[in-house]
């Protein structure tokens, strides 16, 4: 990839533009005076209208003798309140309403006449007691000088125009996370500084104060070192100490051990009494026993006519030493 090297002067010029643009936006959005914070043109009736002021500074501001004026669609300027009276609290609100609907609001000031009113394609101007223009808002097709830079779209019946809390405010954020951040964003461009609300929210001097988030300029430095907030280390829950339950050792039942039988110690035969030579044993010859058979006479005869035989039974006695056997002998003859 081919690198593009910008000259030092060009780089410095670009960064200067970014710096000036940022600081210009910052300076314009950092408000040091009361502002018109919300306007309703037509509510439940033609004269159901109000103008709300907000003090985005750290000090209460007395607005006695200040004026509220309007510019019509034809460019004609006329009063709404000839002389205001009262004080706007720091980060507080101030509500001005038409006399015809005074019973519907908790107001701080009324229009100077019930014939004074605002309508479509108009503008409202806030002036101090020296008739110096402090703030203004123009909507629809109001002619110059009825707006700052660019007019915002006109509200419909039951709608209002509300100043943003920050540069990035939206209808969703202004009714949720930025609903208590005040209405302090002012870049001197009505189209960028306001949003269209479908549900108006008029606030007065009795309403809770709403402190905006403080912006810090990139060139602004603090002489004091920031105090480091110590990070709280969470207390660690100790693990429970495990105490082992002593295990009972089993009682060993002794096994009956047989009583050893001691063999008597043999008395050794004295060596002197033993013969030095073993005697020679002369074997005794066992006489051979000769069996002498003793004849025994026949004791019985049996005839078997169907086969023509006569059989007789005899026995002999045979001796083998001291043992005597009787051996049977059968004999048969024909008749």
C-alpha atoms as a PDB file:
ATOM      1  CA  UNK A   1       0.000   0.000   0.000  1.00  0.00           C
ATOM      2  CA  UNK A   2       1.371   3.368  -0.975  1.00  0.00           C
ATOM      3  CA  UNK A   3       1.729   5.779   1.944  1.00  0.00           C
ATOM      4  CA  UNK A   4       0.450   9.334   1.591  1.00  0.00           C
ATOM      5  CA  UNK A   5       2.574  11.868   3.441  1.00  0.00           C
ATOM      6  CA  UNK A   6       0.851  15.159   4.157  1.00  0.00           C
ATOM      7  CA  UNK A   7       2.912  18.300   4.585  1.00  0.00           C
ATOM      8  CA  UNK A   8       3.246  19.533   8.147  1.00  0.00           C
ATOM      9  CA  UNK A   9       1.373  22.738   7.368  1.00  0.00           C
ATOM     10  CA  UNK A  10      -1.600  20.792   5.937  1.00  0.00           C
ATOM     11  CA  UNK A  11      -1.768  18.512   8.989  1.00  0.00           C
ATOM     12  CA  UNK A  12      -1.646  21.483  11.328  1.00  0.00           C
ATOM     13  CA  UNK A  13      -4.389  23.193   9.347  1.00  0.00           C
ATOM     14  CA  UNK A  14      -6.684  20.139   9.526  1.00  0.00           C
ATOM     15  CA  UNK A  15      -6.203  19.738  13.270  1.00  0.00           C
ATOM     16  CA  UNK A  16      -6.797  23.449  13.779  1.00  0.00           C
ATOM     17  CA  UNK A  17     -10.130  23.197  11.956  1.00  0.00           C
ATOM     18  CA  UNK A  18     -11.171  20.214  14.097  1.00  0.00           C
ATOM     19  CA  UNK A  19     -10.099  22.007  17.273  1.00  0.00           C
ATOM     20  CA  UNK A  20     -11.900  25.248  16.376  1.00  0.00           C
ATOM     21  CA  UNK A  21     -15.029  23.363  15.339  1.00  0.00           C
ATOM     22  CA  UNK A  22     -15.097  21.406  18.591  1.00  0.00           C
ATOM     23  CA  UNK A  23     -14.497  24.461  20.749  1.00  0.00           C
ATOM     24  CA  UNK A  24     -17.099  26.442  18.824  1.00  0.00           C
ATOM     25  CA  UNK A  25     -19.688  23.721  19.459  1.00  0.00           C
ATOM     26  CA  UNK A  26     -18.616  23.523  23.079  1.00  0.00           C
ATOM     27  CA  UNK A  27     -18.802  27.299  23.580  1.00  0.00           C
ATOM     28  CA  UNK A  28     -22.236  27.509  21.977  1.00  0.00           C
ATOM     29  CA  UNK A  29     -23.634  24.628  24.001  1.00  0.00           C
ATOM     30  CA  UNK A  30     -22.296  25.955  27.306  1.00  0.00           C
ATOM     31  CA  UNK A  31     -25.134  28.283  28.355  1.00  0.00           C
ATOM     32  CA  UNK A  32     -24.698  31.072  30.921  1.00  0.00           C
ATOM     33  CA  UNK A  33     -28.198  32.586  30.745  1.00  0.00           C
ATOM     34  CA  UNK A  34     -31.846  31.512  31.004  1.00  0.00           C
ATOM     35  CA  UNK A  35     -33.273  29.837  27.916  1.00  0.00           C
ATOM     36  CA  UNK A  36     -36.678  29.055  26.434  1.00  0.00           C
ATOM     37  CA  UNK A  37     -36.943  25.347  27.271  1.00  0.00           C
ATOM     38  CA  UNK A  38     -40.422  24.276  26.048  1.00  0.00           C
ATOM     39  CA  UNK A  39     -43.290  25.776  24.030  1.00  0.00           C
ATOM     40  CA  UNK A  40     -46.806  24.475  23.388  1.00  0.00           C
ATOM     41  CA  UNK A  41     -48.779  26.232  20.630  1.00  0.00           C
ATOM     42  CA  UNK A  42     -52.128  24.382  20.672  1.00  0.00           C
ATOM     43  CA  UNK A  43     -53.292  21.989  23.357  1.00  0.00           C
ATOM     44  CA  UNK A  44     -56.838  20.962  24.189  1.00  0.00           C
ATOM     45  CA  UNK A  45     -58.048  24.329  22.848  1.00  0.00           C
ATOM     46  CA  UNK A  46     -56.770  27.132  20.635  1.00  0.00           C
ATOM     47  CA  UNK A  47     -55.433  29.134  23.605  1.00  0.00           C
ATOM     48  CA  UNK A  48     -54.101  26.131  25.524  1.00  0.00           C
ATOM     49  CA  UNK A  49     -50.488  27.282  25.255  1.00  0.00           C
ATOM     50  CA  UNK A  50     -47.486  27.889  27.466  1.00  0.00           C
ATOM     51  CA  UNK A  51     -43.864  29.064  27.371  1.00  0.00           C
ATOM     52  CA  UNK A  52     -41.411  27.422  29.801  1.00  0.00           C
ATOM     53  CA  UNK A  53     -38.054  28.937  30.839  1.00  0.00           C
ATOM     54  CA  UNK A  54     -35.029  27.092  32.344  1.00  0.00           C
ATOM     55  CA  UNK A  55     -32.023  28.437  34.267  1.00  0.00           C
ATOM     56  CA  UNK A  56     -28.953  26.284  33.405  1.00  0.00           C
ATOM     57  CA  UNK A  57     -26.571  28.307  35.594  1.00  0.00           C
ATOM     58  CA  UNK A  58     -25.337  27.819  39.158  1.00  0.00           C
ATOM     59  CA  UNK A  59     -27.039  30.996  40.392  1.00  0.00           C
ATOM     60  CA  UNK A  60     -30.633  32.081  40.920  1.00  0.00           C
ATOM     61  CA  UNK A  61     -31.598  34.788  38.411  1.00  0.00           C
ATOM     62  CA  UNK A  62     -34.098  37.555  39.095  1.00  0.00           C
ATOM     63  CA  UNK A  63     -36.093  38.131  35.896  1.00  0.00           C
ATOM     64  CA  UNK A  64     -38.227  40.990  37.198  1.00  0.00           C
ATOM     65  CA  UNK A  65     -38.798  43.483  34.369  1.00  0.00           C
ATOM     66  CA  UNK A  66     -37.855  40.969  31.654  1.00  0.00           C
ATOM     67  CA  UNK A  67     -40.143  40.653  28.620  1.00  0.00           C
ATOM     68  CA  UNK A  68     -41.626  37.880  26.524  1.00  0.00           C
ATOM     69  CA  UNK A  69     -42.446  38.837  22.928  1.00  0.00           C
ATOM     70  CA  UNK A  70     -43.597  37.092  19.741  1.00  0.00           C
ATOM     71  CA  UNK A  71     -43.088  37.372  15.981  1.00  0.00           C
ATOM     72  CA  UNK A  72     -46.023  36.440  13.759  1.00  0.00           C
ATOM     73  CA  UNK A  73     -45.908  34.639  10.426  1.00  0.00           C
ATOM     74  CA  UNK A  74     -45.965  38.045   8.735  1.00  0.00           C
ATOM     75  CA  UNK A  75     -42.926  39.227  10.695  1.00  0.00           C
ATOM     76  CA  UNK A  76     -44.880  41.526  13.042  1.00  0.00           C
ATOM     77  CA  UNK A  77     -43.535  41.741  16.609  1.00  0.00           C
ATOM     78  CA  UNK A  78     -45.879  42.122  19.590  1.00  0.00           C
ATOM     79  CA  UNK A  79     -45.790  41.505  23.374  1.00  0.00           C
ATOM     80  CA  UNK A  80     -46.871  38.405  25.269  1.00  0.00           C
ATOM     81  CA  UNK A  81     -45.730  39.534  28.734  1.00  0.00           C
ATOM     82  CA  UNK A  82     -44.932  43.216  29.122  1.00  0.00           C
ATOM     83  CA  UNK A  83     -42.995  42.694  32.371  1.00  0.00           C
ATOM     84  CA  UNK A  84     -42.175  39.437  34.080  1.00  0.00           C
ATOM     85  CA  UNK A  85     -41.790  39.154  37.848  1.00  0.00           C
ATOM     86  CA  UNK A  86     -40.038  36.530  39.909  1.00  0.00           C
ATOM     87  CA  UNK A  87     -36.818  34.548  40.160  1.00  0.00           C
ATOM     88  CA  UNK A  88     -35.686  31.455  38.322  1.00  0.00           C
ATOM     89  CA  UNK A  89     -33.842  29.091  40.645  1.00  0.00           C
ATOM     90  CA  UNK A  90     -30.530  27.613  39.669  1.00  0.00           C
ATOM     91  CA  UNK A  91     -31.312  24.613  37.438  1.00  0.00           C
ATOM     92  CA  UNK A  92     -35.001  25.427  37.945  1.00  0.00           C
ATOM     93  CA  UNK A  93     -37.984  26.234  35.726  1.00  0.00           C
ATOM     94  CA  UNK A  94     -40.447  29.130  35.241  1.00  0.00           C
ATOM     95  CA  UNK A  95     -43.856  28.657  33.568  1.00  0.00           C
ATOM     96  CA  UNK A  96     -45.864  31.306  31.651  1.00  0.00           C
ATOM     97  CA  UNK A  97     -49.368  30.432  30.391  1.00  0.00           C
ATOM     98  CA  UNK A  98     -52.327  32.015  28.597  1.00  0.00           C
ATOM     99  CA  UNK A  99     -54.962  33.480  30.977  1.00  0.00           C
ATOM    100  CA  UNK A 100     -57.735  31.369  29.437  1.00  0.00           C
ATOM    101  CA  UNK A 101     -56.150  28.134  30.720  1.00  0.00           C
ATOM    102  CA  UNK A 102     -54.727  29.393  33.999  1.00  0.00           C
ATOM    103  CA  UNK A 103     -56.905  26.940  35.912  1.00  0.00           C
ATOM    104  CA  UNK A 104     -55.225  24.024  34.140  1.00  0.00           C
ATOM    105  CA  UNK A 105     -51.639  24.846  35.174  1.00  0.00           C
ATOM    106  CA  UNK A 106     -49.550  25.683  38.207  1.00  0.00           C
ATOM    107  CA  UNK A 107     -47.999  28.741  36.585  1.00  0.00           C
ATOM    108  CA  UNK A 108     -45.530  31.465  37.617  1.00  0.00           C
ATOM    109  CA  UNK A 109     -46.717  34.229  35.247  1.00  0.00           C
ATOM    110  CA  UNK A 110     -49.624  34.892  32.858  1.00  0.00           C
ATOM    111  CA  UNK A 111     -49.676  36.660  29.504  1.00  0.00           C
ATOM    112  CA  UNK A 112     -50.301  40.353  29.944  1.00  0.00           C
ATOM    113  CA  UNK A 113     -53.605  40.102  28.036  1.00  0.00           C
ATOM    114  CA  UNK A 114     -55.945  37.292  27.041  1.00  0.00           C
ATOM    115  CA  UNK A 115     -55.816  38.718  23.517  1.00  0.00           C
ATOM    116  CA  UNK A 116     -52.153  37.820  23.253  1.00  0.00           C
ATOM    117  CA  UNK A 117     -51.443  34.362  21.818  1.00  0.00           C
ATOM    118  CA  UNK A 118     -49.037  32.362  19.689  1.00  0.00           C
ATOM    119  CA  UNK A 119     -49.879  30.172  16.704  1.00  0.00           C
ATOM    120  CA  UNK A 120     -48.327  28.251  13.822  1.00  0.00           C
ATOM    121  CA  UNK A 121     -45.292  29.736  12.042  1.00  0.00           C
ATOM    122  CA  UNK A 122     -44.496  32.071  14.968  1.00  0.00           C
ATOM    123  CA  UNK A 123     -41.515  32.824  17.172  1.00  0.00           C
ATOM    124  CA  UNK A 124     -41.053  33.641  20.875  1.00  0.00           C
ATOM    125  CA  UNK A 125     -38.316  36.014  22.087  1.00  0.00           C
ATOM    126  CA  UNK A 126     -37.004  36.412  25.670  1.00  0.00           C
ATOM    127  CA  UNK A 127     -35.579  39.883  26.470  1.00  0.00           C
ATOM    128  CA  UNK A 128     -33.987  41.157  29.672  1.00  0.00           C
ATOM    129  CA  UNK A 129     -34.997  44.357  31.490  1.00  0.00           C
ATOM    130  CA  UNK A 130     -32.757  46.346  29.124  1.00  0.00           C
ATOM    131  CA  UNK A 131     -34.602  44.930  26.071  1.00  0.00           C
ATOM    132  CA  UNK A 132     -31.545  42.846  25.149  1.00  0.00           C
ATOM    133  CA  UNK A 133     -32.407  39.605  23.349  1.00  0.00           C
ATOM    134  CA  UNK A 134     -31.479  36.649  25.594  1.00  0.00           C
ATOM    135  CA  UNK A 135     -32.985  33.720  23.661  1.00  0.00           C
ATOM    136  CA  UNK A 136     -35.535  32.903  20.949  1.00  0.00           C
ATOM    137  CA  UNK A 137     -37.185  30.021  19.141  1.00  0.00           C
ATOM    138  CA  UNK A 138     -38.941  30.020  15.776  1.00  0.00           C
ATOM    139  CA  UNK A 139     -40.952  27.212  14.161  1.00  0.00           C
ATOM    140  CA  UNK A 140     -42.544  26.464  10.827  1.00  0.00           C
ATOM    141  CA  UNK A 141     -42.183  29.169   8.170  1.00  0.00           C
ATOM    142  CA  UNK A 142     -41.664  32.130  10.498  1.00  0.00           C
ATOM    143  CA  UNK A 143     -39.607  34.800   8.685  1.00  0.00           C
ATOM    144  CA  UNK A 144     -36.246  36.073   9.830  1.00  0.00           C
ATOM    145  CA  UNK A 145     -35.249  37.250  12.352  1.00  0.00           C
ATOM    146  CA  UNK A 146     -37.669  34.918  14.135  1.00  0.00           C
ATOM    147  CA  UNK A 147     -35.254  32.013  14.656  1.00  0.00           C
ATOM    148  CA  UNK A 148     -31.643  31.105  15.369  1.00  0.00           C
ATOM    149  CA  UNK A 149     -29.880  29.817  12.211  1.00  0.00           C
ATOM    150  CA  UNK A 150     -32.739  27.496  11.186  1.00  0.00           C
ATOM    151  CA  UNK A 151     -36.343  27.166  12.371  1.00  0.00           C
ATOM    152  CA  UNK A 152     -37.668  23.889  13.718  1.00  0.00           C
ATOM    153  CA  UNK A 153     -40.719  22.133  12.306  1.00  0.00           C
ATOM    154  CA  UNK A 154     -43.973  23.411  13.808  1.00  0.00           C
ATOM    155  CA  UNK A 155     -45.761  21.332  16.466  1.00  0.00           C
ATOM    156  CA  UNK A 156     -49.215  19.894  15.945  1.00  0.00           C
ATOM    157  CA  UNK A 157     -52.144  19.971  18.301  1.00  0.00           C
ATOM    158  CA  UNK A 158     -51.218  18.450  21.662  1.00  0.00           C
ATOM    159  CA  UNK A 159     -47.469  18.546  20.864  1.00  0.00           C
ATOM    160  CA  UNK A 160     -44.666  20.744  22.140  1.00  0.00           C
ATOM    161  CA  UNK A 161     -41.126  21.809  21.269  1.00  0.00           C
ATOM    162  CA  UNK A 162     -38.553  20.962  23.993  1.00  0.00           C
ATOM    163  CA  UNK A 163     -34.920  22.023  24.218  1.00  0.00           C
ATOM    164  CA  UNK A 164     -32.404  19.166  24.356  1.00  0.00           C
ATOM    165  CA  UNK A 165     -30.343  18.210  27.379  1.00  0.00           C
ATOM    166  CA  UNK A 166     -27.306  17.405  25.219  1.00  0.00           C
ATOM    167  CA  UNK A 167     -26.160  17.338  21.612  1.00  0.00           C
ATOM    168  CA  UNK A 168     -27.234  13.697  21.202  1.00  0.00           C
ATOM    169  CA  UNK A 169     -30.639  13.982  22.888  1.00  0.00           C
ATOM    170  CA  UNK A 170     -33.615  12.293  21.254  1.00  0.00           C
ATOM    171  CA  UNK A 171     -37.284  11.996  22.130  1.00  0.00           C
ATOM    172  CA  UNK A 172     -36.545   8.591  23.679  1.00  0.00           C
ATOM    173  CA  UNK A 173     -33.633   9.842  25.801  1.00  0.00           C
ATOM    174  CA  UNK A 174     -35.489  12.987  26.899  1.00  0.00           C
ATOM    175  CA  UNK A 175     -38.315  10.867  28.248  1.00  0.00           C
ATOM    176  CA  UNK A 176     -35.997   8.292  29.854  1.00  0.00           C
ATOM    177  CA  UNK A 177     -32.347   8.599  30.865  1.00  0.00           C
ATOM    178  CA  UNK A 178     -32.145  12.372  30.199  1.00  0.00           C
ATOM    179  CA  UNK A 179     -35.532  13.269  31.631  1.00  0.00           C
ATOM    180  CA  UNK A 180     -33.875  14.881  34.693  1.00  0.00           C
ATOM    181  CA  UNK A 181     -30.802  16.385  32.979  1.00  0.00           C
ATOM    182  CA  UNK A 182     -32.390  19.785  32.322  1.00  0.00           C
ATOM    183  CA  UNK A 183     -32.732  21.651  29.013  1.00  0.00           C
ATOM    184  CA  UNK A 184     -29.420  23.409  28.581  1.00  0.00           C
ATOM    185  CA  UNK A 185     -28.188  22.568  25.070  1.00  0.00           C
ATOM    186  CA  UNK A 186     -27.904  25.722  22.949  1.00  0.00           C
ATOM    187  CA  UNK A 187     -25.896  25.798  19.713  1.00  0.00           C
ATOM    188  CA  UNK A 188     -27.829  28.838  18.414  1.00  0.00           C
ATOM    189  CA  UNK A 189     -29.625  26.630  15.899  1.00  0.00           C
ATOM    190  CA  UNK A 190     -33.291  26.036  16.698  1.00  0.00           C
ATOM    191  CA  UNK A 191     -33.485  23.056  14.356  1.00  0.00           C
ATOM    192  CA  UNK A 192     -30.660  21.262  16.224  1.00  0.00           C
ATOM    193  CA  UNK A 193     -31.495  22.470  19.731  1.00  0.00           C
ATOM    194  CA  UNK A 194     -35.112  21.276  20.017  1.00  0.00           C
ATOM    195  CA  UNK A 195     -37.040  18.017  19.687  1.00  0.00           C
ATOM    196  CA  UNK A 196     -40.747  17.483  19.019  1.00  0.00           C
ATOM    197  CA  UNK A 197     -42.599  15.983  21.987  1.00  0.00           C
ATOM    198  CA  UNK A 198     -45.876  14.166  21.516  1.00  0.00           C
ATOM    199  CA  UNK A 199     -46.655  14.512  25.246  1.00  0.00           C
ATOM    200  CA  UNK A 200     -45.816  17.992  26.597  1.00  0.00           C
ATOM    201  CA  UNK A 201     -44.311  18.329  30.068  1.00  0.00           C
ATOM    202  CA  UNK A 202     -44.726  21.890  31.426  1.00  0.00           C
ATOM    203  CA  UNK A 203     -42.607  22.591  34.537  1.00  0.00           C
ATOM    204  CA  UNK A 204     -42.671  25.518  36.955  1.00  0.00           C
ATOM    205  CA  UNK A 205     -40.733  26.981  39.852  1.00  0.00           C
ATOM    206  CA  UNK A 206     -42.076  24.258  42.165  1.00  0.00           C
ATOM    207  CA  UNK A 207     -40.821  21.443  39.941  1.00  0.00           C
ATOM    208  CA  UNK A 208     -37.659  19.533  40.953  1.00  0.00           C
ATOM    209  CA  UNK A 209     -34.439  21.116  39.816  1.00  0.00           C
ATOM    210  CA  UNK A 210     -32.626  19.338  36.975  1.00  0.00           C
ATOM    211  CA  UNK A 211     -28.875  19.773  36.891  1.00  0.00           C
ATOM    212  CA  UNK A 212     -27.310  19.201  33.466  1.00  0.00           C
ATOM    213  CA  UNK A 213     -24.187  17.139  32.951  1.00  0.00           C
ATOM    214  CA  UNK A 214     -21.146  19.360  33.096  1.00  0.00           C
ATOM    215  CA  UNK A 215     -19.083  19.591  29.954  1.00  0.00           C
ATOM    216  CA  UNK A 216     -15.318  19.930  30.134  1.00  0.00           C
ATOM    217  CA  UNK A 217     -13.470  21.832  27.426  1.00  0.00           C
ATOM    218  CA  UNK A 218     -10.435  20.011  25.977  1.00  0.00           C
ATOM    219  CA  UNK A 219      -8.366  23.151  26.724  1.00  0.00           C
ATOM    220  CA  UNK A 220      -9.692  23.468  30.263  1.00  0.00           C
ATOM    221  CA  UNK A 221      -7.325  22.180  32.918  1.00  0.00           C
ATOM    222  CA  UNK A 222      -7.828  21.862  36.627  1.00  0.00           C
ATOM    223  CA  UNK A 223      -5.336  23.209  39.158  1.00  0.00           C
ATOM    224  CA  UNK A 224      -6.290  20.546  41.614  1.00  0.00           C
ATOM    225  CA  UNK A 225      -5.182  16.998  41.239  1.00  0.00           C
ATOM    226  CA  UNK A 226      -8.172  14.685  41.012  1.00  0.00           C
ATOM    227  CA  UNK A 227      -8.752  12.794  44.177  1.00  0.00           C
ATOM    228  CA  UNK A 228      -8.525   9.134  43.495  1.00  0.00           C
ATOM    229  CA  UNK A 229     -11.471   7.311  44.886  1.00  0.00           C
ATOM    230  CA  UNK A 230     -10.152   4.188  46.514  1.00  0.00           C
ATOM    231  CA  UNK A 231     -11.569   1.081  45.030  1.00  0.00           C
ATOM    232  CA  UNK A 232     -13.330  -0.841  47.693  1.00  0.00           C
ATOM    233  CA  UNK A 233     -12.034  -4.345  47.847  1.00  0.00           C
ATOM    234  CA  UNK A 234     -14.903  -6.667  48.525  1.00  0.00           C
ATOM    235  CA  UNK A 235     -14.650  -8.582  51.735  1.00  0.00           C
ATOM    236  CA  UNK A 236     -13.935 -12.145  50.903  1.00  0.00           C
ATOM    237  CA  UNK A 237     -16.232 -14.575  52.571  1.00  0.00           C
ATOM    238  CA  UNK A 238     -13.964 -17.016  54.395  1.00  0.00           C
ATOM    239  CA  UNK A 239     -14.371 -20.616  53.603  1.00  0.00           C
ATOM    240  CA  UNK A 240     -15.797 -22.590  56.547  1.00  0.00           C
ATOM    241  CA  UNK A 241     -13.199 -24.303  58.666  1.00  0.00           C
ATOM    242  CA  UNK A 242     -13.546 -28.027  58.402  1.00  0.00           C
ATOM    243  CA  UNK A 243     -13.245 -29.753  61.762  1.00  0.00           C
ATOM    244  CA  UNK A 244     -12.837 -33.450  61.217  1.00  0.00           C
ATOM    245  CA  UNK A 245     -15.092 -35.625  63.343  1.00  0.00           C
ATOM    246  CA  UNK A 246     -12.925 -38.119  65.196  1.00  0.00           C
ATOM    247  CA  UNK A 247     -13.552 -41.617  63.982  1.00  0.00           C
ATOM    248  CA  UNK A 248     -13.796 -44.205  66.711  1.00  0.00           C
ATOM    249  CA  UNK A 249     -11.227 -46.853  66.284  1.00  0.00           C
ATOM    250  CA  UNK A 250     -12.822 -50.321  66.351  1.00  0.00           C
ATOM    251  CA  UNK A 251     -12.232 -52.375  69.442  1.00  0.00           C
ATOM    252  CA  UNK A 252     -10.149 -55.322  68.486  1.00  0.00           C
ATOM    253  CA  UNK A 253     -11.464 -58.513  70.006  1.00  0.00           C
ATOM    254  CA  UNK A 254      -8.478 -60.643  70.804  1.00  0.00           C
ATOM    255  CA  UNK A 255      -8.445 -64.035  69.130  1.00  0.00           C
ATOM    256  CA  UNK A 256      -7.847 -66.926  71.514  1.00  0.00           C
ATOM    257  CA  UNK A 257      -4.267 -67.843  70.938  1.00  0.00           C
ATOM    258  CA  UNK A 258      -3.642 -71.507  71.590  1.00  0.00           C
ATOM    259  CA  UNK A 259      -1.299 -72.137  74.431  1.00  0.00           C
ATOM    260  CA  UNK A 260       1.877 -73.518  72.920  1.00  0.00           C
ATOM    261  CA  UNK A 261       2.663 -77.044  73.917  1.00  0.00           C
ATOM    262  CA  UNK A 262       6.217 -77.351  74.946  1.00  0.00           C
ATOM    263  CA  UNK A 263       7.848 -80.628  74.016  1.00  0.00           C
ATOM    264  CA  UNK A 264      10.128 -81.928  76.672  1.00  0.00           C
ATOM    265  CA  UNK A 265      13.715 -81.428  75.991  1.00  0.00           C
ATOM    266  CA  UNK A 266      15.386 -84.682  75.173  1.00  0.00           C
ATOM    267  CA  UNK A 267      18.358 -85.458  77.243  1.00  0.00           C
ATOM    268  CA  UNK A 268      21.168 -86.062  74.867  1.00  0.00           C
ATOM    269  CA  UNK A 269      22.729 -89.395  75.064  1.00  0.00           C
ATOM    270  CA  UNK A 270      26.316 -89.146  76.114  1.00  0.00           C
ATOM    271  CA  UNK A 271      28.635 -89.603  73.294  1.00  0.00           C
ATOM    272  CA  UNK A 272      30.777 -92.025  75.201  1.00  0.00           C
ATOM    273  CA  UNK A 273      27.934 -94.561  75.555  1.00  0.00           C
ATOM    274  CA  UNK A 274      27.308 -94.810  71.812  1.00  0.00           C
ATOM    275  CA  UNK A 275      29.088 -97.708  70.078  1.00  0.00           C
ATOM    276  CA  UNK A 276      31.638 -96.677  67.586  1.00  0.00           C
ATOM    277  CA  UNK A 277      30.659 -99.474  65.190  1.00  0.00           C
ATOM    278  CA  UNK A 278      27.221-100.546  64.180  1.00  0.00           C
ATOM    279  CA  UNK A 279      26.633-104.317  64.825  1.00  0.00           C
ATOM    280  CA  UNK A 280      26.132-106.502  61.786  1.00  0.00           C
ATOM    281  CA  UNK A 281      22.640-107.996  61.738  1.00  0.00           C
ATOM    282  CA  UNK A 282      22.425-111.555  60.498  1.00  0.00           C
ATOM    283  CA  UNK A 283      19.112-111.937  58.632  1.00  0.00           C
ATOM    284  CA  UNK A 284      16.916-114.859  59.674  1.00  0.00           C
ATOM    285  CA  UNK A 285      15.907-116.964  56.766  1.00  0.00           C
ATOM    286  CA  UNK A 286      12.132-117.432  56.443  1.00  0.00           C
ATOM    287  CA  UNK A 287      11.415-121.074  55.536  1.00  0.00           C
ATOM    288  CA  UNK A 288       9.475-121.499  52.336  1.00  0.00           C
ATOM    289  CA  UNK A 289       6.024-122.785  53.065  1.00  0.00           C
ATOM    290  CA  UNK A 290       4.894-125.607  50.837  1.00  0.00           C
ATOM    291  CA  UNK A 291       1.159-126.016  50.543  1.00  0.00           C
ATOM    292  CA  UNK A 292       0.145-129.616  51.177  1.00  0.00           C
ATOM    293  CA  UNK A 293      -3.304-130.294  49.792  1.00  0.00           C
ATOM    294  CA  UNK A 294      -5.524-132.415  51.916  1.00  0.00           C
ATOM    295  CA  UNK A 295      -8.145-134.273  49.895  1.00  0.00           C
ATOM    296  CA  UNK A 296     -11.688-134.167  51.103  1.00  0.00           C
ATOM    297  CA  UNK A 297     -14.210-136.855  50.005  1.00  0.00           C
ATOM    298  CA  UNK A 298     -17.230-135.967  47.880  1.00  0.00           C
ATOM    299  CA  UNK A 299     -20.074-134.962  50.018  1.00  0.00           C
ATOM    300  CA  UNK A 300     -23.020-134.789  47.507  1.00  0.00           C
ATOM    301  CA  UNK A 301     -24.310-135.956  44.108  1.00  0.00           C
ATOM    302  CA  UNK A 302     -26.883-134.393  41.824  1.00  0.00           C
ATOM    303  CA  UNK A 303     -28.698-135.894  38.839  1.00  0.00           C
ATOM    304  CA  UNK A 304     -29.873-133.911  35.843  1.00  0.00           C
ATOM    305  CA  UNK A 305     -32.113-136.283  33.827  1.00  0.00           C
ATOM    306  CA  UNK A 306     -33.048-133.838  31.141  1.00  0.00           C
ATOM    307  CA  UNK A 307     -29.441-133.667  30.066  1.00  0.00           C
ATOM    308  CA  UNK A 308     -28.411-137.188  31.236  1.00  0.00           C
ATOM    309  CA  UNK A 309     -25.737-136.162  33.679  1.00  0.00           C
ATOM    310  CA  UNK A 310     -24.919-137.048  37.272  1.00  0.00           C
ATOM    311  CA  UNK A 311     -22.719-134.456  38.995  1.00  0.00           C
ATOM    312  CA  UNK A 312     -20.850-134.689  42.263  1.00  0.00           C
ATOM    313  CA  UNK A 313     -19.244-132.123  44.502  1.00  0.00           C
ATOM    314  CA  UNK A 314     -15.920-132.574  46.330  1.00  0.00           C
ATOM    315  CA  UNK A 315     -13.446-130.209  47.934  1.00  0.00           C
ATOM    316  CA  UNK A 316      -9.777-130.188  48.808  1.00  0.00           C
ATOM    317  CA  UNK A 317      -8.025-128.396  51.623  1.00  0.00           C
ATOM    318  CA  UNK A 318      -4.807-126.689  50.713  1.00  0.00           C
ATOM    319  CA  UNK A 319      -2.389-125.339  53.330  1.00  0.00           C
ATOM    320  CA  UNK A 320       0.150-122.628  52.888  1.00  0.00           C
ATOM    321  CA  UNK A 321       1.972-122.407  56.141  1.00  0.00           C
ATOM    322  CA  UNK A 322      -0.571-121.336  58.617  1.00  0.00           C
ATOM    323  CA  UNK A 323      -3.171-120.467  55.929  1.00  0.00           C
ATOM    324  CA  UNK A 324      -5.757-123.104  54.892  1.00  0.00           C
ATOM    325  CA  UNK A 325      -7.744-122.877  51.614  1.00  0.00           C
ATOM    326  CA  UNK A 326     -10.744-125.053  50.703  1.00  0.00           C
ATOM    327  CA  UNK A 327     -10.866-125.602  46.934  1.00  0.00           C
ATOM    328  CA  UNK A 328     -14.197-126.964  45.466  1.00  0.00           C
ATOM    329  CA  UNK A 329     -14.080-129.683  42.754  1.00  0.00           C
ATOM    330  CA  UNK A 330     -17.083-130.561  40.568  1.00  0.00           C
ATOM    331  CA  UNK A 331     -17.353-133.735  38.437  1.00  0.00           C
ATOM    332  CA  UNK A 332     -20.179-135.054  36.177  1.00  0.00           C
ATOM    333  CA  UNK A 333     -20.849-138.468  34.452  1.00  0.00           C
ATOM    334  CA  UNK A 334     -23.494-139.623  31.898  1.00  0.00           C
ATOM    335  CA  UNK A 335     -26.066-142.281  32.843  1.00  0.00           C
END
